[in-house]
Structures are given as C-alpha cells and as structure tokens.
Amino acid sequence: RAAGYWSSTLSVKRARSPLRAEYQREQCREFGFGFQGHMLRATGTVTCGKVSMPTCGPHHLTIPDKYLKKTTICQSHCPDKITALSHLIGLNGLCESCTDVQGG
C-alpha cells in the first residue's frame, strides 16, 4: 500500500529499456566563434579526447562496462584554430580521428 502511494506521488514510470550510465568525459572542447571570451556562435559539437570509467557512491565503486552508454572519443591532429574552423563549416571529421568506445 505504501509503495503504491509513493509510486503515484512521485509519478514512477516503468523503464522501457535498460538504464545506462555515461563515461566520465575528459579533455573536452566545444567549438564555436567568439570574441574576447564571449561565444558568438557555438556549433553544438563537443569533442572529448579521453574517457574514464564512472564511479558510484561514497566508496567510488566502478560501474561495469555493460551498464554504460556507447560514446565517441576524438583526437585532433590540426592546430586548434583549424579544428574550430572545420567544425564551424560542418566538416567535423576533417581534423579529428574518432574512435567509438563500446558500452553495454
């Protein structure tokens, strides 16, 4: 009876697919066009050069791969300004080599 009350009060819905955590993304950059620290136009593309395993709880237990979402990491091989320009004009793969990191 109490579980039914809390389920309706908190609007609990049954998950339709497995819940997945995301990798901890590191060395991330967002590309855009800016002036004196103000972003005038962002591409909406964020690329990350590295990921690490996420942890959970006060004991920092590592979440196993099978519970993680797939993600992509990219390594740039052009100068930053050229990479940013390639993202602004829509040539996202021009200056980067990307690799998929599999999840569960």
PDB file of N, CA and C in Angstrom:
ATOM      1  N   ARG A   1       0.821  -1.187   0.000  1.00  0.00           N
ATOM      2  CA  ARG A   1       0.000   0.000   0.000  1.00  0.00           C
ATOM      3  C   ARG A   1       0.871   1.259   0.000  1.00  0.00           C
ATOM      4  N   ALA A   2       1.918   1.269   0.838  1.00  0.00           N
ATOM      5  CA  ALA A   2       2.816   2.426   0.893  1.00  0.00           C
ATOM      6  C   ALA A   2       3.574   2.579  -0.421  1.00  0.00           C
ATOM      7  N   ALA A   3       4.007   1.461  -1.012  1.00  0.00           N
ATOM      8  CA  ALA A   3       4.726   1.524  -2.286  1.00  0.00           C
ATOM      9  C   ALA A   3       3.836   2.112  -3.371  1.00  0.00           C
ATOM     10  N   GLY A   4       2.554   1.748  -3.381  1.00  0.00           N
ATOM     11  CA  GLY A   4       1.608   2.305  -4.351  1.00  0.00           C
ATOM     12  C   GLY A   4       1.433   3.800  -4.163  1.00  0.00           C
ATOM     13  N   TYR A   5       1.371   4.248  -2.911  1.00  0.00           N
ATOM     14  CA  TYR A   5       1.240   5.679  -2.626  1.00  0.00           C
ATOM     15  C   TYR A   5       2.444   6.451  -3.167  1.00  0.00           C
ATOM     16  N   TRP A   6       3.657   5.976  -2.852  1.00  0.00           N
ATOM     17  CA  TRP A   6       4.862   6.680  -3.294  1.00  0.00           C
ATOM     18  C   TRP A   6       5.034   6.612  -4.809  1.00  0.00           C
ATOM     19  N   SER A   7       4.645   5.491  -5.404  1.00  0.00           N
ATOM     20  CA  SER A   7       4.736   5.384  -6.864  1.00  0.00           C
ATOM     21  C   SER A   7       3.852   6.403  -7.553  1.00  0.00           C
ATOM     22  N   SER A   8       2.640   6.593  -7.052  1.00  0.00           N
ATOM     23  CA  SER A   8       1.741   7.577  -7.681  1.00  0.00           C
ATOM     24  C   SER A   8       2.152   9.003  -7.321  1.00  0.00           C
ATOM     25  N   THR A   9       2.605   9.229  -6.127  1.00  0.00           N
ATOM     26  CA  THR A   9       3.016  10.568  -5.701  1.00  0.00           C
ATOM     27  C   THR A   9       4.244  11.045  -6.475  1.00  0.00           C
ATOM     28  N   LEU A  10       5.204  10.154  -6.701  1.00  0.00           N
ATOM     29  CA  LEU A  10       6.438  10.511  -7.401  1.00  0.00           C
ATOM     30  C   LEU A  10       6.354  10.283  -8.905  1.00  0.00           C
ATOM     31  N   SER A  11       5.187   9.866  -9.400  1.00  0.00           N
ATOM     32  CA  SER A  11       4.968   9.589 -10.831  1.00  0.00           C
ATOM     33  C   SER A  11       6.015   8.617 -11.379  1.00  0.00           C
ATOM     34  N   VAL A  12       6.176   7.508 -10.706  1.00  0.00           N
ATOM     35  CA  VAL A  12       7.142   6.493 -11.111  1.00  0.00           C
ATOM     36  C   VAL A  12       6.652   5.807 -12.377  1.00  0.00           C
ATOM     37  N   LYS A  13       7.529   5.696 -13.367  1.00  0.00           N
ATOM     38  CA  LYS A  13       7.211   5.037 -14.633  1.00  0.00           C
ATOM     39  C   LYS A  13       8.162   3.857 -14.820  1.00  0.00           C
ATOM     40  N   ARG A  14       7.663   2.783 -15.411  1.00  0.00           N
ATOM     41  CA  ARG A  14       8.492   1.608 -15.678  1.00  0.00           C
ATOM     42  C   ARG A  14       9.468   1.948 -16.808  1.00  0.00           C
ATOM     43  N   ALA A  15      10.726   1.564 -16.642  1.00  0.00           N
ATOM     44  CA  ALA A  15      11.735   1.800 -17.680  1.00  0.00           C
ATOM     45  C   ALA A  15      11.446   0.905 -18.872  1.00  0.00           C
ATOM     46  N   ARG A  16      11.501   1.469 -20.084  1.00  0.00           N
ATOM     47  CA  ARG A  16      11.237   0.700 -21.305  1.00  0.00           C
ATOM     48  C   ARG A  16      12.505   0.068 -21.869  1.00  0.00           C
ATOM     49  N   SER A  17      13.645   0.556 -21.440  1.00  0.00           N
ATOM     50  CA  SER A  17      14.919  -0.004 -21.884  1.00  0.00           C
ATOM     51  C   SER A  17      15.871   0.055 -20.696  1.00  0.00           C
ATOM     52  N   PRO A  18      16.964  -0.696 -20.763  1.00  0.00           N
ATOM     53  CA  PRO A  18      17.909  -0.690 -19.631  1.00  0.00           C
ATOM     54  C   PRO A  18      18.470   0.711 -19.373  1.00  0.00           C
ATOM     55  N   LEU A  19      18.619   1.043 -18.115  1.00  0.00           N
ATOM     56  CA  LEU A  19      19.224   2.327 -17.744  1.00  0.00           C
ATOM     57  C   LEU A  19      20.730   2.215 -17.934  1.00  0.00           C
ATOM     58  N   ARG A  20      21.327   3.233 -18.509  1.00  0.00           N
ATOM     59  CA  ARG A  20      22.762   3.229 -18.773  1.00  0.00           C
ATOM     60  C   ARG A  20      23.394   4.501 -18.227  1.00  0.00           C
ATOM     61  N   ALA A  21      24.567   4.359 -17.649  1.00  0.00           N
ATOM     62  CA  ALA A  21      25.354   5.498 -17.185  1.00  0.00           C
ATOM     63  C   ALA A  21      26.253   5.965 -18.330  1.00  0.00           C
ATOM     64  N   GLU A  22      26.823   7.142 -18.204  1.00  0.00           N
ATOM     65  CA  GLU A  22      27.735   7.658 -19.225  1.00  0.00           C
ATOM     66  C   GLU A  22      29.165   7.620 -18.700  1.00  0.00           C
ATOM     67  N   TYR A  23      30.107   7.424 -19.622  1.00  0.00           N
ATOM     68  CA  TYR A  23      31.516   7.506 -19.262  1.00  0.00           C
ATOM     69  C   TYR A  23      31.822   8.912 -18.755  1.00  0.00           C
ATOM     70  N   GLN A  24      32.831   9.042 -17.905  1.00  0.00           N
ATOM     71  CA  GLN A  24      33.317  10.354 -17.477  1.00  0.00           C
ATOM     72  C   GLN A  24      34.134  10.915 -18.634  1.00  0.00           C
ATOM     73  N   ARG A  25      33.676  12.002 -19.214  1.00  0.00           N
ATOM     74  CA  ARG A  25      34.367  12.584 -20.367  1.00  0.00           C
ATOM     75  C   ARG A  25      35.422  13.575 -19.882  1.00  0.00           C
ATOM     76  N   GLU A  26      36.598  13.520 -20.511  1.00  0.00           N
ATOM     77  CA  GLU A  26      37.716  14.383 -20.122  1.00  0.00           C
ATOM     78  C   GLU A  26      38.329  15.016 -21.358  1.00  0.00           C
ATOM     79  N   GLN A  27      39.062  16.068 -21.165  1.00  0.00           N
ATOM     80  CA  GLN A  27      39.738  16.793 -22.255  1.00  0.00           C
ATOM     81  C   GLN A  27      38.735  17.176 -23.342  1.00  0.00           C
ATOM     82  N   CYS A  28      37.594  17.746 -22.914  1.00  0.00           N
ATOM     83  CA  CYS A  28      36.517  18.089 -23.845  1.00  0.00           C
ATOM     84  C   CYS A  28      36.648  19.531 -24.317  1.00  0.00           C
ATOM     85  N   ARG A  29      36.237  19.737 -25.573  1.00  0.00           N
ATOM     86  CA  ARG A  29      36.249  21.072 -26.151  1.00  0.00           C
ATOM     87  C   ARG A  29      34.956  21.282 -26.922  1.00  0.00           C
ATOM     88  N   GLU A  30      34.397  22.496 -26.802  1.00  0.00           N
ATOM     89  CA  GLU A  30      33.248  22.885 -27.610  1.00  0.00           C
ATOM     90  C   GLU A  30      33.744  23.902 -28.620  1.00  0.00           C
ATOM     91  N   PHE A  31      33.318  23.756 -29.848  1.00  0.00           N
ATOM     92  CA  PHE A  31      33.804  24.635 -30.893  1.00  0.00           C
ATOM     93  C   PHE A  31      32.781  25.700 -31.228  1.00  0.00           C
ATOM     94  N   GLY A  32      33.280  26.876 -31.556  1.00  0.00           N
ATOM     95  CA  GLY A  32      32.414  27.972 -31.936  1.00  0.00           C
ATOM     96  C   GLY A  32      33.248  29.171 -32.328  1.00  0.00           C
ATOM     97  N   PHE A  33      32.566  30.267 -32.529  1.00  0.00           N
ATOM     98  CA  PHE A  33      33.215  31.508 -32.908  1.00  0.00           C
ATOM     99  C   PHE A  33      32.967  32.511 -31.798  1.00  0.00           C
ATOM    100  N   GLY A  34      34.035  33.098 -31.272  1.00  0.00           N
ATOM    101  CA  GLY A  34      33.877  34.019 -30.160  1.00  0.00           C
ATOM    102  C   GLY A  34      34.812  35.199 -30.266  1.00  0.00           C
ATOM    103  N   PHE A  35      34.588  36.148 -29.356  1.00  0.00           N
ATOM    104  CA  PHE A  35      35.386  37.354 -29.335  1.00  0.00           C
ATOM    105  C   PHE A  35      35.538  37.802 -27.897  1.00  0.00           C
ATOM    106  N   GLN A  36      36.765  37.967 -27.442  1.00  0.00           N
ATOM    107  CA  GLN A  36      37.101  38.414 -26.087  1.00  0.00           C
ATOM    108  C   GLN A  36      36.356  37.621 -25.011  1.00  0.00           C
ATOM    109  N   GLY A  37      36.382  36.310 -25.150  1.00  0.00           N
ATOM    110  CA  GLY A  37      35.790  35.449 -24.129  1.00  0.00           C
ATOM    111  C   GLY A  37      34.296  35.245 -24.236  1.00  0.00           C
ATOM    112  N   HIS A  38      33.635  35.826 -25.217  1.00  0.00           N
ATOM    113  CA  HIS A  38      32.192  35.658 -25.392  1.00  0.00           C
ATOM    114  C   HIS A  38      31.928  34.781 -26.608  1.00  0.00           C
ATOM    115  N   MET A  39      31.125  33.730 -26.416  1.00  0.00           N
ATOM    116  CA  MET A  39      30.802  32.825 -27.517  1.00  0.00           C
ATOM    117  C   MET A  39      29.705  33.460 -28.358  1.00  0.00           C
ATOM    118  N   LEU A  40      30.002  33.752 -29.626  1.00  0.00           N
ATOM    119  CA  LEU A  40      29.025  34.339 -30.524  1.00  0.00           C
ATOM    120  C   LEU A  40      28.217  33.270 -31.255  1.00  0.00           C
ATOM    121  N   ARG A  41      28.868  32.196 -31.628  1.00  0.00           N
ATOM    122  CA  ARG A  41      28.181  31.103 -32.316  1.00  0.00           C
ATOM    123  C   ARG A  41      28.848  29.795 -31.924  1.00  0.00           C
ATOM    124  N   ALA A  42      28.072  28.908 -31.343  1.00  0.00           N
ATOM    125  CA  ALA A  42      28.593  27.590 -30.979  1.00  0.00           C
ATOM    126  C   ALA A  42      28.083  26.573 -31.981  1.00  0.00           C
ATOM    127  N   THR A  43      28.884  25.568 -32.261  1.00  0.00           N
ATOM    128  CA  THR A  43      28.474  24.533 -33.213  1.00  0.00           C
ATOM    129  C   THR A  43      27.570  23.500 -32.561  1.00  0.00           C
ATOM    130  N   GLY A  44      27.569  23.442 -31.232  1.00  0.00           N
ATOM    131  CA  GLY A  44      26.816  22.403 -30.540  1.00  0.00           C
ATOM    132  C   GLY A  44      27.573  21.097 -30.477  1.00  0.00           C
ATOM    133  N   THR A  45      28.755  21.065 -31.062  1.00  0.00           N
ATOM    134  CA  THR A  45      29.575  19.864 -31.070  1.00  0.00           C
ATOM    135  C   THR A  45      30.603  19.943 -29.946  1.00  0.00           C
ATOM    136  N   VAL A  46      30.602  18.940 -29.111  1.00  0.00           N
ATOM    137  CA  VAL A  46      31.596  18.834 -28.052  1.00  0.00           C
ATOM    138  C   VAL A  46      32.386  17.568 -28.324  1.00  0.00           C
ATOM    139  N   THR A  47      33.693  17.705 -28.421  1.00  0.00           N
ATOM    140  CA  THR A  47      34.524  16.513 -28.619  1.00  0.00           C
ATOM    141  C   THR A  47      35.396  16.309 -27.397  1.00  0.00           C
ATOM    142  N   CYS A  48      35.577  15.059 -27.051  1.00  0.00           N
ATOM    143  CA  CYS A  48      36.376  14.715 -25.880  1.00  0.00           C
ATOM    144  C   CYS A  48      37.494  13.776 -26.309  1.00  0.00           C
ATOM    145  N   GLY A  49      38.671  14.020 -25.780  1.00  0.00           N
ATOM    146  CA  GLY A  49      39.843  13.238 -26.140  1.00  0.00           C
ATOM    147  C   GLY A  49      40.064  12.016 -25.286  1.00  0.00           C
ATOM    148  N   LYS A  50      39.285  11.891 -24.203  1.00  0.00           N
ATOM    149  CA  LYS A  50      39.553  10.803 -23.273  1.00  0.00           C
ATOM    150  C   LYS A  50      38.291  10.532 -22.461  1.00  0.00           C
ATOM    151  N   VAL A  51      38.091   9.298 -22.088  1.00  0.00           N
ATOM    152  CA  VAL A  51      37.005   8.946 -21.169  1.00  0.00           C
ATOM    153  C   VAL A  51      37.564   8.040 -20.082  1.00  0.00           C
ATOM    154  N   SER A  52      36.891   8.045 -18.957  1.00  0.00           N
ATOM    155  CA  SER A  52      37.267   7.133 -17.886  1.00  0.00           C
ATOM    156  C   SER A  52      36.002   6.500 -17.326  1.00  0.00           C
ATOM    157  N   MET A  53      36.188   5.441 -16.578  1.00  0.00           N
ATOM    158  CA  MET A  53      35.059   4.716 -16.012  1.00  0.00           C
ATOM    159  C   MET A  53      34.409   5.552 -14.919  1.00  0.00           C
ATOM    160  N   PRO A  54      33.077   5.697 -14.950  1.00  0.00           N
ATOM    161  CA  PRO A  54      32.400   6.433 -13.886  1.00  0.00           C
ATOM    162  C   PRO A  54      32.358   5.598 -12.608  1.00  0.00           C
ATOM    163  N   THR A  55      32.205   6.274 -11.498  1.00  0.00           N
ATOM    164  CA  THR A  55      32.113   5.592 -10.213  1.00  0.00           C
ATOM    165  C   THR A  55      30.799   5.966  -9.541  1.00  0.00           C
ATOM    166  N   CYS A  56      30.468   5.202  -8.533  1.00  0.00           N
ATOM    167  CA  CYS A  56      29.195   5.396  -7.848  1.00  0.00           C
ATOM    168  C   CYS A  56      29.403   5.310  -6.336  1.00  0.00           C
ATOM    169  N   GLY A  57      28.716   6.179  -5.614  1.00  0.00           N
ATOM    170  CA  GLY A  57      28.685   6.098  -4.166  1.00  0.00           C
ATOM    171  C   GLY A  57      29.919   6.620  -3.464  1.00  0.00           C
ATOM    172  N   PRO A  58      29.851   6.634  -2.133  1.00  0.00           N
ATOM    173  CA  PRO A  58      30.948   7.189  -1.343  1.00  0.00           C
ATOM    174  C   PRO A  58      32.229   6.361  -1.415  1.00  0.00           C
ATOM    175  N   HIS A  59      32.099   5.091  -1.831  1.00  0.00           N
ATOM    176  CA  HIS A  59      33.279   4.230  -1.936  1.00  0.00           C
ATOM    177  C   HIS A  59      33.828   4.209  -3.356  1.00  0.00           C
ATOM    178  N   HIS A  60      33.235   5.007  -4.236  1.00  0.00           N
ATOM    179  CA  HIS A  60      33.693   5.150  -5.628  1.00  0.00           C
ATOM    180  C   HIS A  60      33.825   3.805  -6.336  1.00  0.00           C
ATOM    181  N   LEU A  61      32.756   3.019  -6.273  1.00  0.00           N
ATOM    182  CA  LEU A  61      32.743   1.733  -6.961  1.00  0.00           C
ATOM    183  C   LEU A  61      32.632   1.976  -8.463  1.00  0.00           C
ATOM    184  N   THR A  62      33.428   1.284  -9.244  1.00  0.00           N
ATOM    185  CA  THR A  62      33.434   1.443 -10.695  1.00  0.00           C
ATOM    186  C   THR A  62      32.201   0.772 -11.294  1.00  0.00           C
ATOM    187  N   ILE A  63      31.519   1.479 -12.193  1.00  0.00           N
ATOM    188  CA  ILE A  63      30.348   0.934 -12.881  1.00  0.00           C
ATOM    189  C   ILE A  63      30.856   0.072 -14.040  1.00  0.00           C
ATOM    190  N   PRO A  64      30.443  -1.188 -14.121  1.00  0.00           N
ATOM    191  CA  PRO A  64      30.924  -2.087 -15.182  1.00  0.00           C
ATOM    192  C   PRO A  64      30.511  -1.617 -16.584  1.00  0.00           C
ATOM    193  N   ASP A  65      31.308  -2.000 -17.592  1.00  0.00           N
ATOM    194  CA  ASP A  65      31.064  -1.632 -18.990  1.00  0.00           C
ATOM    195  C   ASP A  65      29.647  -1.928 -19.454  1.00  0.00           C
ATOM    196  N   LYS A  66      29.099  -3.062 -19.035  1.00  0.00           N
ATOM    197  CA  LYS A  66      27.794  -3.481 -19.555  1.00  0.00           C
ATOM    198  C   LYS A  66      26.665  -2.530 -19.157  1.00  0.00           C
ATOM    199  N   TYR A  67      26.917  -1.608 -18.221  1.00  0.00           N
ATOM    200  CA  TYR A  67      25.904  -0.646 -17.802  1.00  0.00           C
ATOM    201  C   TYR A  67      26.172   0.761 -18.342  1.00  0.00           C
ATOM    202  N   LEU A  68      27.091   0.874 -19.304  1.00  0.00           N
ATOM    203  CA  LEU A  68      27.464   2.192 -19.832  1.00  0.00           C
ATOM    204  C   LEU A  68      26.949   2.402 -21.247  1.00  0.00           C
ATOM    205  N   LYS A  69      26.669   3.663 -21.579  1.00  0.00           N
ATOM    206  CA  LYS A  69      26.277   4.040 -22.937  1.00  0.00           C
ATOM    207  C   LYS A  69      27.513   4.086 -23.828  1.00  0.00           C
ATOM    208  N   LYS A  70      27.310   3.808 -25.106  1.00  0.00           N
ATOM    209  CA  LYS A  70      28.387   3.947 -26.087  1.00  0.00           C
ATOM    210  C   LYS A  70      28.727   5.434 -26.221  1.00  0.00           C
ATOM    211  N   THR A  71      29.997   5.738 -26.439  1.00  0.00           N
ATOM    212  CA  THR A  71      30.421   7.122 -26.636  1.00  0.00           C
ATOM    213  C   THR A  71      31.550   7.157 -27.663  1.00  0.00           C
ATOM    214  N   THR A  72      31.938   8.344 -28.050  1.00  0.00           N
ATOM    215  CA  THR A  72      32.999   8.517 -29.043  1.00  0.00           C
ATOM    216  C   THR A  72      34.064   9.445 -28.475  1.00  0.00           C
ATOM    217  N   ILE A  73      35.335   9.096 -28.688  1.00  0.00           N
ATOM    218  CA  ILE A  73      36.435   9.987 -28.313  1.00  0.00           C
ATOM    219  C   ILE A  73      37.169  10.383 -29.594  1.00  0.00           C
ATOM    220  N   CYS A  74      37.679  11.607 -29.606  1.00  0.00           N
ATOM    221  CA  CYS A  74      38.341  12.124 -30.806  1.00  0.00           C
ATOM    222  C   CYS A  74      39.685  12.753 -30.452  1.00  0.00           C
ATOM    223  N   GLN A  75      40.671  12.482 -31.284  1.00  0.00           N
ATOM    224  CA  GLN A  75      41.988  13.085 -31.142  1.00  0.00           C
ATOM    225  C   GLN A  75      42.182  14.041 -32.314  1.00  0.00           C
ATOM    226  N   SER A  76      42.511  15.294 -32.020  1.00  0.00           N
ATOM    227  CA  SER A  76      42.712  16.285 -33.066  1.00  0.00           C
ATOM    228  C   SER A  76      44.140  16.204 -33.597  1.00  0.00           C
ATOM    229  N   HIS A  77      44.296  16.381 -34.900  1.00  0.00           N
ATOM    230  CA  HIS A  77      45.628  16.386 -35.491  1.00  0.00           C
ATOM    231  C   HIS A  77      45.877  17.664 -36.291  1.00  0.00           C
ATOM    232  N   CYS A  78      45.112  18.713 -36.000  1.00  0.00           N
ATOM    233  CA  CYS A  78      45.288  20.027 -36.628  1.00  0.00           C
ATOM    234  C   CYS A  78      45.465  21.065 -35.514  1.00  0.00           C
ATOM    235  N   PRO A  79      45.984  22.237 -35.834  1.00  0.00           N
ATOM    236  CA  PRO A  79      46.011  23.322 -34.851  1.00  0.00           C
ATOM    237  C   PRO A  79      44.583  23.671 -34.410  1.00  0.00           C
ATOM    238  N   ASP A  80      44.434  24.163 -33.192  1.00  0.00           N
ATOM    239  CA  ASP A  80      43.118  24.461 -32.629  1.00  0.00           C
ATOM    240  C   ASP A  80      42.259  25.345 -33.528  1.00  0.00           C
ATOM    241  N   LYS A  81      42.840  26.371 -34.120  1.00  0.00           N
ATOM    242  CA  LYS A  81      42.048  27.289 -34.945  1.00  0.00           C
ATOM    243  C   LYS A  81      41.515  26.599 -36.188  1.00  0.00           C
ATOM    244  N   ILE A  82      42.294  25.720 -36.788  1.00  0.00           N
ATOM    245  CA  ILE A  82      41.851  24.989 -37.975  1.00  0.00           C
ATOM    246  C   ILE A  82      40.752  23.998 -37.581  1.00  0.00           C
ATOM    247  N   THR A  83      40.925  23.334 -36.451  1.00  0.00           N
ATOM    248  CA  THR A  83      39.905  22.397 -35.972  1.00  0.00           C
ATOM    249  C   THR A  83      38.598  23.130 -35.715  1.00  0.00           C
ATOM    250  N   ALA A  84      38.658  24.278 -35.041  1.00  0.00           N
ATOM    251  CA  ALA A  84      37.447  25.061 -34.769  1.00  0.00           C
ATOM    252  C   ALA A  84      36.776  25.493 -36.068  1.00  0.00           C
ATOM    253  N   LEU A  85      37.555  25.954 -37.041  1.00  0.00           N
ATOM    254  CA  LEU A  85      37.005  26.374 -38.327  1.00  0.00           C
ATOM    255  C   LEU A  85      36.334  25.200 -39.033  1.00  0.00           C
ATOM    256  N   SER A  86      36.943  24.028 -38.986  1.00  0.00           N
ATOM    257  CA  SER A  86      36.344  22.861 -39.637  1.00  0.00           C
ATOM    258  C   SER A  86      34.990  22.522 -39.020  1.00  0.00           C
ATOM    259  N   HIS A  87      34.845  22.690 -37.698  1.00  0.00           N
ATOM    260  CA  HIS A  87      33.560  22.444 -37.037  1.00  0.00           C
ATOM    261  C   HIS A  87      32.538  23.514 -37.415  1.00  0.00           C
ATOM    262  N   LEU A  88      32.970  24.757 -37.523  1.00  0.00           N
ATOM    263  CA  LEU A  88      32.052  25.841 -37.870  1.00  0.00           C
ATOM    264  C   LEU A  88      31.466  25.687 -39.268  1.00  0.00           C
ATOM    265  N   ILE A  89      32.242  25.135 -40.192  1.00  0.00           N
ATOM    266  CA  ILE A  89      31.738  24.989 -41.560  1.00  0.00           C
ATOM    267  C   ILE A  89      31.165  23.595 -41.811  1.00  0.00           C
ATOM    268  N   GLY A  90      31.077  22.785 -40.760  1.00  0.00           N
ATOM    269  CA  GLY A  90      30.422  21.489 -40.867  1.00  0.00           C
ATOM    270  C   GLY A  90      31.281  20.331 -41.313  1.00  0.00           C
ATOM    271  N   LEU A  91      32.583  20.495 -41.319  1.00  0.00           N
ATOM    272  CA  LEU A  91      33.494  19.403 -41.687  1.00  0.00           C
ATOM    273  C   LEU A  91      34.087  18.795 -40.419  1.00  0.00           C
ATOM    274  N   ASN A  92      33.234  18.207 -39.597  1.00  0.00           N
ATOM    275  CA  ASN A  92      33.635  17.748 -38.273  1.00  0.00           C
ATOM    276  C   ASN A  92      34.749  16.717 -38.272  1.00  0.00           C
ATOM    277  N   GLY A  93      34.857  15.865 -39.278  1.00  0.00           N
ATOM    278  CA  GLY A  93      35.870  14.826 -39.277  1.00  0.00           C
ATOM    279  C   GLY A  93      37.175  15.224 -39.948  1.00  0.00           C
ATOM    280  N   LEU A  94      37.278  16.451 -40.420  1.00  0.00           N
ATOM    281  CA  LEU A  94      38.451  16.886 -41.164  1.00  0.00           C
ATOM    282  C   LEU A  94      39.734  16.825 -40.335  1.00  0.00           C
ATOM    283  N   CYS A  95      39.676  17.278 -39.115  1.00  0.00           N
ATOM    284  CA  CYS A  95      40.880  17.383 -38.289  1.00  0.00           C
ATOM    285  C   CYS A  95      40.925  16.389 -37.137  1.00  0.00           C
ATOM    286  N   GLU A  96      40.031  15.442 -37.106  1.00  0.00           N
ATOM    287  CA  GLU A  96      39.983  14.550 -35.955  1.00  0.00           C
ATOM    288  C   GLU A  96      39.899  13.093 -36.376  1.00  0.00           C
ATOM    289  N   SER A  97      40.492  12.257 -35.572  1.00  0.00           N
ATOM    290  CA  SER A  97      40.369  10.822 -35.715  1.00  0.00           C
ATOM    291  C   SER A  97      39.535  10.360 -34.526  1.00  0.00           C
ATOM    292  N   CYS A  98      38.379   9.792 -34.788  1.00  0.00           N
ATOM    293  CA  CYS A  98      37.459   9.422 -33.713  1.00  0.00           C
ATOM    294  C   CYS A  98      37.353   7.905 -33.591  1.00  0.00           C
ATOM    295  N   THR A  99      37.131   7.461 -32.368  1.00  0.00           N
ATOM    296  CA  THR A  99      37.002   6.043 -32.042  1.00  0.00           C
ATOM    297  C   THR A  99      35.781   5.861 -31.160  1.00  0.00           C
ATOM    298  N   ASP A 100      34.967   4.853 -31.455  1.00  0.00           N
ATOM    299  CA  ASP A 100      33.828   4.526 -30.605  1.00  0.00           C
ATOM    300  C   ASP A 100      34.292   3.713 -29.405  1.00  0.00           C
ATOM    301  N   VAL A 101      33.766   4.062 -28.240  1.00  0.00           N
ATOM    302  CA  VAL A 101      34.019   3.300 -27.017  1.00  0.00           C
ATOM    303  C   VAL A 101      32.711   2.595 -26.713  1.00  0.00           C
ATOM    304  N   GLN A 102      32.744   1.278 -26.762  1.00  0.00           N
ATOM    305  CA  GLN A 102      31.519   0.492 -26.624  1.00  0.00           C
ATOM    306  C   GLN A 102      30.992   0.516 -25.197  1.00  0.00           C
ATOM    307  N   GLY A 103      29.704   0.464 -25.103  1.00  0.00           N
ATOM    308  CA  GLY A 103      29.033   0.334 -23.818  1.00  0.00           C
ATOM    309  C   GLY A 103      28.328  -1.010 -23.776  1.00  0.00           C
ATOM    310  N   GLY A 104      27.401  -1.157 -22.834  1.00  0.00           N
ATOM    311  CA  GLY A 104      26.668  -2.409 -22.709  1.00  0.00           C
ATOM    312  C   GLY A 104      25.575  -2.464 -23.648  1.00  0.00           C
TER     313      GLY A 104
END
